Amino acid sequence: MLKSMNDRERLMALTAGVFIAVTVAWLGVWEPVVERTEALVIKIEAKKKEKLEVEALASRFRNAKLRFSYLDAKLKSQGERFSPLGVMENIAASAGLKENVVSMTPQPPVEVEGYMESLIALKLEKVELSKLVSFLKLIRNSKNYLRVKRVSITPQYENPEWLNVSLSVAGYEQVK
């Protein structure tokens, strides 16, 4: 068939064949490869984000586990006869606030995830800021696990340098 064509027709047929081959190669090979590559790049970016999220969660879990083991050890070291009210009285005396305590009211204990939480509501009047700060530091650094759950501080009307403070402190024990 090519022998019966003149040179010009052969060149046209060859050009059309090359064009068809290039088009088929483009549409059948190149385009799918490029589309697949773009889809894989998008998936890789999504997986990188997921990996970062998992690493962040793992880090938070490790920190929580360390904090839990620290708190568990602190709760075990505080002994069998832990009295949050007695501890708070001692801390108030150590901070020089015993005469400023208006009321120290224990609340009924509540079980929270295997621990007994004993709340103590404290009201202090005519407290200097420096003494309040040392009081809060003593609570935080206590050998017993105490947590300040709520603090309300208002300056006193007669003397703004004195503060009226009400706070809730929670003490924890393991449930046997």
N, C-alpha and C. Protein backbone atom coordinates (compact mmCIF):
# COMPACT_ATOMS: atom_id res chain seq x y z
N MET A 1 0.81 -1.18 0.00
CA MET A 1 0.00 0.00 0.00
C MET A 1 0.87 1.27 0.00
N LEU A 2 1.95 1.29 0.81
CA LEU A 2 2.83 2.44 0.81
C LEU A 2 3.55 2.61 -0.53
N LYS A 3 3.74 1.48 -1.26
CA LYS A 3 4.44 1.57 -2.54
C LYS A 3 3.60 2.28 -3.59
N SER A 4 2.30 2.18 -3.45
CA SER A 4 1.44 2.83 -4.43
C SER A 4 1.28 4.32 -4.16
N MET A 5 1.72 4.81 -2.99
CA MET A 5 1.60 6.22 -2.64
C MET A 5 2.84 6.99 -3.10
N ASN A 6 2.61 8.23 -3.42
CA ASN A 6 3.77 9.04 -3.77
C ASN A 6 4.41 9.55 -2.48
N ASP A 7 5.51 10.24 -2.60
CA ASP A 7 6.28 10.67 -1.42
C ASP A 7 5.48 11.60 -0.51
N ARG A 8 4.73 12.45 -1.11
CA ARG A 8 3.95 13.40 -0.32
C ARG A 8 2.89 12.68 0.50
N GLU A 9 2.20 11.71 -0.06
CA GLU A 9 1.17 10.94 0.66
C GLU A 9 1.80 10.10 1.76
N ARG A 10 2.97 9.53 1.45
CA ARG A 10 3.67 8.74 2.48
C ARG A 10 4.05 9.63 3.68
N LEU A 11 4.54 10.81 3.39
CA LEU A 11 4.91 11.74 4.45
C LEU A 11 3.68 12.12 5.30
N MET A 12 2.55 12.35 4.63
CA MET A 12 1.31 12.68 5.35
C MET A 12 0.86 11.50 6.21
N ALA A 13 0.92 10.28 5.67
CA ALA A 13 0.51 9.09 6.43
C ALA A 13 1.44 8.87 7.61
N LEU A 14 2.73 9.05 7.39
CA LEU A 14 3.70 8.88 8.46
C LEU A 14 3.49 9.95 9.54
N THR A 15 3.24 11.18 9.15
CA THR A 15 2.98 12.25 10.11
C THR A 15 1.71 11.97 10.90
N ALA A 16 0.66 11.52 10.23
CA ALA A 16 -0.59 11.17 10.92
C ALA A 16 -0.37 10.01 11.88
N GLY A 17 0.41 9.02 11.47
CA GLY A 17 0.71 7.88 12.36
C GLY A 17 1.49 8.31 13.59
N VAL A 18 2.50 9.17 13.38
CA VAL A 18 3.28 9.68 14.52
C VAL A 18 2.37 10.49 15.44
N PHE A 19 1.50 11.34 14.87
CA PHE A 19 0.58 12.14 15.67
C PHE A 19 -0.36 11.26 16.48
N ILE A 20 -0.89 10.22 15.86
CA ILE A 20 -1.78 9.29 16.57
C ILE A 20 -1.02 8.56 17.67
N ALA A 21 0.21 8.12 17.38
CA ALA A 21 1.01 7.42 18.38
C ALA A 21 1.32 8.34 19.56
N VAL A 22 1.69 9.59 19.25
CA VAL A 22 1.99 10.55 20.33
C VAL A 22 0.73 10.83 21.14
N THR A 23 -0.41 11.00 20.49
CA THR A 23 -1.67 11.25 21.19
C THR A 23 -2.05 10.07 22.08
N VAL A 24 -1.94 8.86 21.54
CA VAL A 24 -2.25 7.67 22.34
C VAL A 24 -1.28 7.56 23.52
N ALA A 25 0.00 7.81 23.28
CA ALA A 25 0.98 7.75 24.37
C ALA A 25 0.68 8.83 25.41
N TRP A 26 0.31 10.02 24.94
CA TRP A 26 0.00 11.12 25.86
C TRP A 26 -1.23 10.79 26.71
N LEU A 27 -2.30 10.41 26.06
CA LEU A 27 -3.55 10.15 26.79
C LEU A 27 -3.52 8.83 27.53
N GLY A 28 -2.82 7.85 26.99
CA GLY A 28 -2.84 6.53 27.61
C GLY A 28 -1.77 6.31 28.65
N VAL A 29 -0.65 7.05 28.54
CA VAL A 29 0.46 6.80 29.46
C VAL A 29 0.77 8.05 30.30
N TRP A 30 1.09 9.14 29.64
CA TRP A 30 1.57 10.33 30.35
C TRP A 30 0.51 10.93 31.28
N GLU A 31 -0.68 11.21 30.80
CA GLU A 31 -1.74 11.81 31.62
C GLU A 31 -2.07 10.97 32.84
N PRO A 32 -2.30 9.66 32.72
CA PRO A 32 -2.59 8.86 33.93
C PRO A 32 -1.44 8.87 34.93
N VAL A 33 -0.20 8.85 34.43
CA VAL A 33 0.95 8.87 35.33
C VAL A 33 0.99 10.20 36.08
N VAL A 34 0.78 11.31 35.40
CA VAL A 34 0.81 12.62 36.04
C VAL A 34 -0.34 12.75 37.04
N GLU A 35 -1.54 12.32 36.66
CA GLU A 35 -2.68 12.38 37.58
C GLU A 35 -2.44 11.53 38.81
N ARG A 36 -1.91 10.34 38.61
CA ARG A 36 -1.63 9.44 39.73
C ARG A 36 -0.56 10.05 40.64
N THR A 37 0.46 10.66 40.04
CA THR A 37 1.51 11.30 40.83
C THR A 37 0.94 12.45 41.66
N GLU A 38 0.09 13.27 41.06
CA GLU A 38 -0.53 14.37 41.80
C GLU A 38 -1.40 13.86 42.93
N ALA A 39 -2.15 12.79 42.68
CA ALA A 39 -2.99 12.20 43.73
C ALA A 39 -2.12 11.65 44.86
N LEU A 40 -1.00 11.03 44.52
CA LEU A 40 -0.10 10.49 45.54
C LEU A 40 0.56 11.61 46.35
N VAL A 41 0.90 12.72 45.69
CA VAL A 41 1.48 13.85 46.41
C VAL A 41 0.47 14.40 47.42
N ILE A 42 -0.79 14.50 47.02
CA ILE A 42 -1.84 14.98 47.93
C ILE A 42 -2.00 14.01 49.11
N LYS A 43 -1.97 12.70 48.82
CA LYS A 43 -2.08 11.71 49.90
C LYS A 43 -0.89 11.78 50.83
N ILE A 44 0.31 11.99 50.27
CA ILE A 44 1.51 12.09 51.10
C ILE A 44 1.39 13.28 52.05
N GLU A 45 0.93 14.41 51.56
CA GLU A 45 0.76 15.59 52.42
C GLU A 45 -0.27 15.32 53.52
N ALA A 46 -1.36 14.65 53.17
CA ALA A 46 -2.38 14.32 54.17
C ALA A 46 -1.81 13.38 55.23
N LYS A 47 -1.04 12.39 54.79
CA LYS A 47 -0.44 11.44 55.75
C LYS A 47 0.60 12.13 56.63
N LYS A 48 1.33 13.11 56.07
CA LYS A 48 2.28 13.86 56.89
C LYS A 48 1.55 14.61 58.00
N LYS A 49 0.41 15.23 57.64
CA LYS A 49 -0.39 15.92 58.66
C LYS A 49 -0.89 14.95 59.71
N GLU A 50 -1.37 13.78 59.27
CA GLU A 50 -1.84 12.77 60.22
C GLU A 50 -0.71 12.32 61.12
N LYS A 51 0.48 12.14 60.55
CA LYS A 51 1.64 11.71 61.35
C LYS A 51 1.96 12.75 62.41
N LEU A 52 1.93 14.03 62.03
CA LEU A 52 2.19 15.09 63.00
C LEU A 52 1.14 15.09 64.11
N GLU A 53 -0.12 14.86 63.75
CA GLU A 53 -1.18 14.79 64.76
C GLU A 53 -0.97 13.61 65.70
N VAL A 54 -0.59 12.46 65.13
CA VAL A 54 -0.34 11.28 65.96
C VAL A 54 0.85 11.52 66.88
N GLU A 55 1.91 12.16 66.36
CA GLU A 55 3.07 12.46 67.20
C GLU A 55 2.69 13.42 68.33
N ALA A 56 1.86 14.41 68.02
CA ALA A 56 1.42 15.35 69.06
C ALA A 56 0.58 14.62 70.12
N LEU A 57 -0.31 13.74 69.66
CA LEU A 57 -1.12 12.96 70.62
C LEU A 57 -0.24 12.05 71.45
N ALA A 58 0.76 11.43 70.83
CA ALA A 58 1.67 10.55 71.57
C ALA A 58 2.44 11.35 72.61
N SER A 59 2.86 12.54 72.26
CA SER A 59 3.57 13.39 73.21
C SER A 59 2.66 13.79 74.37
N ARG A 60 1.42 14.17 74.05
CA ARG A 60 0.46 14.51 75.11
C ARG A 60 0.19 13.30 76.00
N PHE A 61 0.10 12.11 75.39
CA PHE A 61 -0.14 10.90 76.17
C PHE A 61 1.03 10.61 77.10
N ARG A 62 2.27 10.74 76.57
CA ARG A 62 3.45 10.51 77.41
C ARG A 62 3.48 11.50 78.58
N ASN A 63 3.18 12.78 78.29
CA ASN A 63 3.17 13.78 79.35
C ASN A 63 2.09 13.47 80.39
N ALA A 64 0.92 13.08 79.91
CA ALA A 64 -0.17 12.74 80.84
C ALA A 64 0.20 11.52 81.67
N LYS A 65 0.84 10.54 81.03
CA LYS A 65 1.24 9.33 81.75
C LYS A 65 2.29 9.66 82.81
N LEU A 66 3.26 10.52 82.47
CA LEU A 66 4.26 10.94 83.46
C LEU A 66 3.61 11.70 84.60
N ARG A 67 2.69 12.61 84.26
CA ARG A 67 2.00 13.38 85.29
C ARG A 67 1.18 12.45 86.18
N PHE A 68 0.51 11.47 85.56
CA PHE A 68 -0.29 10.53 86.34
C PHE A 68 0.59 9.71 87.26
N SER A 69 1.73 9.22 86.76
CA SER A 69 2.60 8.42 87.63
C SER A 69 3.17 9.28 88.76
N TYR A 70 3.48 10.56 88.48
CA TYR A 70 3.95 11.46 89.53
C TYR A 70 2.87 11.66 90.58
N LEU A 71 1.64 11.91 90.13
CA LEU A 71 0.54 12.12 91.06
C LEU A 71 0.22 10.86 91.84
N ASP A 72 0.29 9.72 91.16
CA ASP A 72 0.03 8.44 91.83
C ASP A 72 1.07 8.21 92.92
N ALA A 73 2.34 8.48 92.62
CA ALA A 73 3.40 8.31 93.62
C ALA A 73 3.20 9.29 94.78
N LYS A 74 2.79 10.52 94.46
CA LYS A 74 2.55 11.51 95.51
C LYS A 74 1.38 11.09 96.39
N LEU A 75 0.33 10.54 95.78
CA LEU A 75 -0.82 10.08 96.56
C LEU A 75 -0.44 8.89 97.45
N LYS A 76 0.39 7.99 96.93
CA LYS A 76 0.81 6.84 97.74
C LYS A 76 1.70 7.26 98.89
N SER A 77 2.50 8.32 98.69
CA SER A 77 3.43 8.74 99.73
C SER A 77 2.76 9.55 100.84
N GLN A 78 1.54 10.02 100.62
CA GLN A 78 0.92 10.87 101.64
C GLN A 78 0.37 10.08 102.82
N GLY A 79 0.34 8.78 102.73
CA GLY A 79 -0.03 7.97 103.89
C GLY A 79 -1.51 7.67 103.97
N GLU A 80 -1.83 6.81 104.93
CA GLU A 80 -3.20 6.33 105.10
C GLU A 80 -4.10 7.38 105.74
N ARG A 81 -3.59 8.12 106.70
CA ARG A 81 -4.41 9.03 107.51
C ARG A 81 -4.26 10.47 107.00
N PHE A 82 -4.58 10.70 105.76
CA PHE A 82 -4.48 12.03 105.18
C PHE A 82 -5.75 12.81 105.49
N SER A 83 -5.58 13.98 106.10
CA SER A 83 -6.71 14.85 106.41
C SER A 83 -6.49 16.19 105.72
N PRO A 84 -7.20 16.45 104.63
CA PRO A 84 -7.01 17.72 103.92
C PRO A 84 -7.25 18.94 104.82
N LEU A 85 -8.21 18.84 105.72
CA LEU A 85 -8.51 19.96 106.61
C LEU A 85 -7.32 20.26 107.53
N GLY A 86 -6.74 19.20 108.10
CA GLY A 86 -5.58 19.38 108.97
C GLY A 86 -4.38 19.93 108.21
N VAL A 87 -4.18 19.43 106.99
CA VAL A 87 -3.07 19.92 106.17
C VAL A 87 -3.26 21.40 105.85
N MET A 88 -4.49 21.80 105.52
CA MET A 88 -4.75 23.20 105.20
C MET A 88 -4.56 24.10 106.42
N GLU A 89 -4.93 23.60 107.61
CA GLU A 89 -4.70 24.38 108.84
C GLU A 89 -3.21 24.59 109.06
N ASN A 90 -2.42 23.53 108.85
CA ASN A 90 -0.97 23.65 109.02
C ASN A 90 -0.36 24.61 108.00
N ILE A 91 -0.84 24.55 106.76
CA ILE A 91 -0.31 25.44 105.72
C ILE A 91 -0.68 26.89 106.03
N ALA A 92 -1.90 27.12 106.50
CA ALA A 92 -2.32 28.49 106.86
C ALA A 92 -1.45 29.02 108.00
N ALA A 93 -1.15 28.16 108.98
CA ALA A 93 -0.30 28.57 110.09
C ALA A 93 1.12 28.85 109.60
N SER A 94 1.64 28.01 108.70
CA SER A 94 2.99 28.21 108.16
C SER A 94 3.10 29.51 107.37
N ALA A 95 2.04 29.88 106.67
CA ALA A 95 2.06 31.11 105.87
C ALA A 95 1.75 32.34 106.72
N GLY A 96 1.46 32.14 108.01
CA GLY A 96 1.15 33.27 108.89
C GLY A 96 -0.25 33.82 108.66
N LEU A 97 -1.16 32.96 108.22
CA LEU A 97 -2.53 33.40 107.92
C LEU A 97 -3.57 32.80 108.86
N LYS A 98 -3.14 32.16 109.94
CA LYS A 98 -4.10 31.49 110.81
C LYS A 98 -5.14 32.48 111.36
N GLU A 99 -4.70 33.69 111.71
CA GLU A 99 -5.64 34.68 112.26
C GLU A 99 -6.51 35.31 111.18
N ASN A 100 -6.15 35.14 109.90
CA ASN A 100 -6.94 35.69 108.79
C ASN A 100 -8.01 34.73 108.29
N VAL A 101 -7.98 33.49 108.76
CA VAL A 101 -8.95 32.50 108.31
C VAL A 101 -10.29 32.78 108.99
N VAL A 102 -11.29 33.11 108.18
CA VAL A 102 -12.63 33.36 108.70
C VAL A 102 -13.39 32.04 108.79
N SER A 103 -13.27 31.23 107.75
CA SER A 103 -13.91 29.91 107.78
C SER A 103 -13.12 28.93 106.92
N MET A 104 -13.16 27.69 107.36
CA MET A 104 -12.53 26.60 106.64
C MET A 104 -13.52 25.44 106.72
N THR A 105 -14.29 25.26 105.63
CA THR A 105 -15.40 24.32 105.65
C THR A 105 -15.12 23.12 104.75
N PRO A 106 -15.06 21.92 105.33
CA PRO A 106 -14.90 20.74 104.47
C PRO A 106 -16.22 20.39 103.78
N GLN A 107 -16.13 19.96 102.55
CA GLN A 107 -17.30 19.51 101.79
C GLN A 107 -17.29 17.98 101.81
N PRO A 108 -18.44 17.34 101.57
CA PRO A 108 -18.45 15.88 101.55
C PRO A 108 -17.56 15.36 100.42
N PRO A 109 -16.79 14.30 100.69
CA PRO A 109 -15.91 13.76 99.64
C PRO A 109 -16.70 13.15 98.49
N VAL A 110 -16.12 13.25 97.31
CA VAL A 110 -16.74 12.73 96.09
C VAL A 110 -15.74 11.81 95.41
N GLU A 111 -16.22 10.66 94.92
CA GLU A 111 -15.32 9.75 94.21
C GLU A 111 -15.19 10.20 92.76
N VAL A 112 -13.94 10.36 92.32
CA VAL A 112 -13.64 10.79 90.95
C VAL A 112 -12.61 9.83 90.37
N GLU A 113 -13.04 8.95 89.47
CA GLU A 113 -12.17 8.03 88.74
C GLU A 113 -11.20 7.28 89.65
N GLY A 114 -11.70 6.67 90.69
CA GLY A 114 -10.87 5.85 91.57
C GLY A 114 -10.18 6.62 92.68
N TYR A 115 -10.47 7.90 92.82
CA TYR A 115 -9.89 8.72 93.86
C TYR A 115 -11.00 9.43 94.60
N MET A 116 -10.76 9.66 95.89
CA MET A 116 -11.70 10.44 96.69
C MET A 116 -11.22 11.89 96.69
N GLU A 117 -12.09 12.78 96.25
CA GLU A 117 -11.77 14.21 96.22
C GLU A 117 -12.48 14.87 97.39
N SER A 118 -11.70 15.46 98.29
CA SER A 118 -12.25 16.17 99.45
C SER A 118 -12.03 17.66 99.25
N LEU A 119 -13.12 18.39 99.11
CA LEU A 119 -13.03 19.84 98.90
C LEU A 119 -13.08 20.58 100.23
N ILE A 120 -12.31 21.65 100.31
CA ILE A 120 -12.32 22.52 101.48
C ILE A 120 -12.55 23.94 100.97
N ALA A 121 -13.58 24.59 101.49
CA ALA A 121 -13.86 25.98 101.13
C ALA A 121 -13.24 26.87 102.20
N LEU A 122 -12.36 27.77 101.79
CA LEU A 122 -11.68 28.67 102.71
C LEU A 122 -12.09 30.10 102.44
N LYS A 123 -12.24 30.86 103.52
CA LYS A 123 -12.47 32.31 103.40
C LYS A 123 -11.43 32.98 104.27
N LEU A 124 -10.70 33.90 103.66
CA LEU A 124 -9.66 34.65 104.35
C LEU A 124 -9.98 36.13 104.22
N GLU A 125 -9.71 36.89 105.28
CA GLU A 125 -9.95 38.33 105.24
C GLU A 125 -8.69 39.07 105.68
N LYS A 126 -8.54 40.29 105.15
CA LYS A 126 -7.42 41.17 105.50
C LYS A 126 -6.07 40.50 105.27
N VAL A 127 -5.92 39.94 104.06
CA VAL A 127 -4.69 39.23 103.71
C VAL A 127 -3.83 40.13 102.84
N GLU A 128 -2.54 40.18 103.14
CA GLU A 128 -1.61 40.90 102.28
C GLU A 128 -1.26 40.02 101.08
N LEU A 129 -0.98 40.65 99.96
CA LEU A 129 -0.70 39.91 98.73
C LEU A 129 0.49 38.98 98.89
N SER A 130 1.54 39.43 99.54
CA SER A 130 2.74 38.60 99.70
C SER A 130 2.43 37.34 100.52
N LYS A 131 1.61 37.49 101.56
CA LYS A 131 1.24 36.31 102.35
C LYS A 131 0.35 35.36 101.56
N LEU A 132 -0.53 35.92 100.72
CA LEU A 132 -1.38 35.08 99.88
C LEU A 132 -0.54 34.28 98.89
N VAL A 133 0.45 34.93 98.30
CA VAL A 133 1.33 34.24 97.35
C VAL A 133 2.08 33.12 98.04
N SER A 134 2.62 33.38 99.22
CA SER A 134 3.35 32.32 99.93
C SER A 134 2.40 31.19 100.35
N PHE A 135 1.17 31.53 100.70
CA PHE A 135 0.16 30.51 101.04
C PHE A 135 -0.11 29.61 99.83
N LEU A 136 -0.31 30.21 98.67
CA LEU A 136 -0.58 29.42 97.46
C LEU A 136 0.63 28.57 97.07
N LYS A 137 1.84 29.11 97.26
CA LYS A 137 3.05 28.33 96.98
C LYS A 137 3.16 27.14 97.93
N LEU A 138 2.82 27.35 99.20
CA LEU A 138 2.87 26.24 100.16
C LEU A 138 1.86 25.15 99.79
N ILE A 139 0.70 25.56 99.30
CA ILE A 139 -0.29 24.57 98.85
C ILE A 139 0.27 23.78 97.68
N ARG A 140 0.84 24.49 96.71
CA ARG A 140 1.36 23.82 95.52
C ARG A 140 2.53 22.89 95.86
N ASN A 141 3.38 23.29 96.79
CA ASN A 141 4.57 22.51 97.12
C ASN A 141 4.36 21.55 98.28
N SER A 142 3.13 21.37 98.69
CA SER A 142 2.84 20.46 99.81
C SER A 142 3.23 19.03 99.45
N LYS A 143 3.61 18.24 100.47
CA LYS A 143 3.94 16.84 100.20
C LYS A 143 2.69 16.04 99.86
N ASN A 144 1.54 16.56 100.24
CA ASN A 144 0.27 15.95 99.87
C ASN A 144 -0.20 16.56 98.56
N TYR A 145 -1.01 15.80 97.83
CA TYR A 145 -1.50 16.33 96.56
C TYR A 145 -2.73 17.18 96.83
N LEU A 146 -2.54 18.49 96.73
CA LEU A 146 -3.62 19.46 96.89
C LEU A 146 -3.72 20.26 95.60
N ARG A 147 -4.94 20.61 95.25
CA ARG A 147 -5.14 21.37 94.02
C ARG A 147 -6.11 22.51 94.31
N VAL A 148 -5.72 23.71 93.95
CA VAL A 148 -6.60 24.87 94.10
C VAL A 148 -7.56 24.83 92.91
N LYS A 149 -8.84 24.66 93.20
CA LYS A 149 -9.84 24.55 92.13
C LYS A 149 -10.46 25.89 91.78
N ARG A 150 -10.57 26.78 92.76
CA ARG A 150 -11.21 28.08 92.52
C ARG A 150 -10.62 29.10 93.46
N VAL A 151 -10.39 30.31 92.94
CA VAL A 151 -9.89 31.41 93.75
C VAL A 151 -10.68 32.67 93.39
N SER A 152 -11.10 33.38 94.41
CA SER A 152 -11.76 34.67 94.21
C SER A 152 -11.08 35.68 95.13
N ILE A 153 -10.53 36.73 94.54
CA ILE A 153 -9.79 37.73 95.31
C ILE A 153 -10.44 39.09 95.08
N THR A 154 -10.78 39.75 96.19
CA THR A 154 -11.34 41.11 96.09
C THR A 154 -10.61 42.01 97.08
N PRO A 155 -10.29 43.24 96.67
CA PRO A 155 -9.66 44.16 97.62
C PRO A 155 -10.68 44.61 98.67
N GLN A 156 -10.20 44.85 99.87
CA GLN A 156 -11.10 45.29 100.93
C GLN A 156 -11.41 46.78 100.76
N TYR A 157 -12.61 47.16 101.10
CA TYR A 157 -13.07 48.53 100.87
C TYR A 157 -12.30 49.54 101.72
N GLU A 158 -12.09 49.22 103.01
CA GLU A 158 -11.43 50.16 103.92
C GLU A 158 -9.96 50.35 103.57
N ASN A 159 -9.28 49.26 103.22
CA ASN A 159 -7.86 49.32 102.91
C ASN A 159 -7.59 48.44 101.68
N PRO A 160 -7.39 49.04 100.50
CA PRO A 160 -7.23 48.25 99.28
C PRO A 160 -5.98 47.35 99.26
N GLU A 161 -5.05 47.57 100.20
CA GLU A 161 -3.88 46.69 100.25
C GLU A 161 -4.22 45.34 100.88
N TRP A 162 -5.31 45.26 101.59
CA TRP A 162 -5.76 44.00 102.15
C TRP A 162 -6.74 43.35 101.19
N LEU A 163 -6.68 42.05 101.15
CA LEU A 163 -7.53 41.30 100.22
C LEU A 163 -8.45 40.37 100.98
N ASN A 164 -9.65 40.21 100.46
CA ASN A 164 -10.56 39.17 100.93
C ASN A 164 -10.48 38.04 99.90
N VAL A 165 -10.24 36.85 100.37
CA VAL A 165 -9.99 35.72 99.47
C VAL A 165 -10.92 34.58 99.83
N SER A 166 -11.53 34.00 98.81
CA SER A 166 -12.24 32.74 99.03
C SER A 166 -11.71 31.76 97.99
N LEU A 167 -11.41 30.56 98.44
CA LEU A 167 -10.87 29.56 97.53
C LEU A 167 -11.35 28.18 97.90
N SER A 168 -11.35 27.32 96.90
CA SER A 168 -11.67 25.90 97.10
C SER A 168 -10.41 25.10 96.81
N VAL A 169 -10.04 24.27 97.76
CA VAL A 169 -8.86 23.43 97.61
C VAL A 169 -9.32 21.98 97.69
N ALA A 170 -8.83 21.17 96.77
CA ALA A 170 -9.19 19.75 96.75
C ALA A 170 -8.00 18.92 97.18
N GLY A 171 -8.27 17.97 98.06
CA GLY A 171 -7.28 16.97 98.45
C GLY A 171 -7.73 15.62 97.91
N TYR A 172 -6.79 14.78 97.55
CA TYR A 172 -7.14 13.50 96.92
C TYR A 172 -6.54 12.33 97.68
N GLU A 173 -7.30 11.23 97.70
CA GLU A 173 -6.85 9.96 98.27
C GLU A 173 -7.26 8.86 97.32
N GLN A 174 -6.48 7.78 97.32
CA GLN A 174 -6.87 6.63 96.50
C GLN A 174 -7.98 5.87 97.21
N VAL A 175 -8.96 5.41 96.42
CA VAL A 175 -10.04 4.60 96.98
C VAL A 175 -9.50 3.19 97.14
N LYS A 176 -9.74 2.62 98.31
CA LYS A 176 -9.24 1.27 98.56
C LYS A 176 -10.17 0.23 98.03
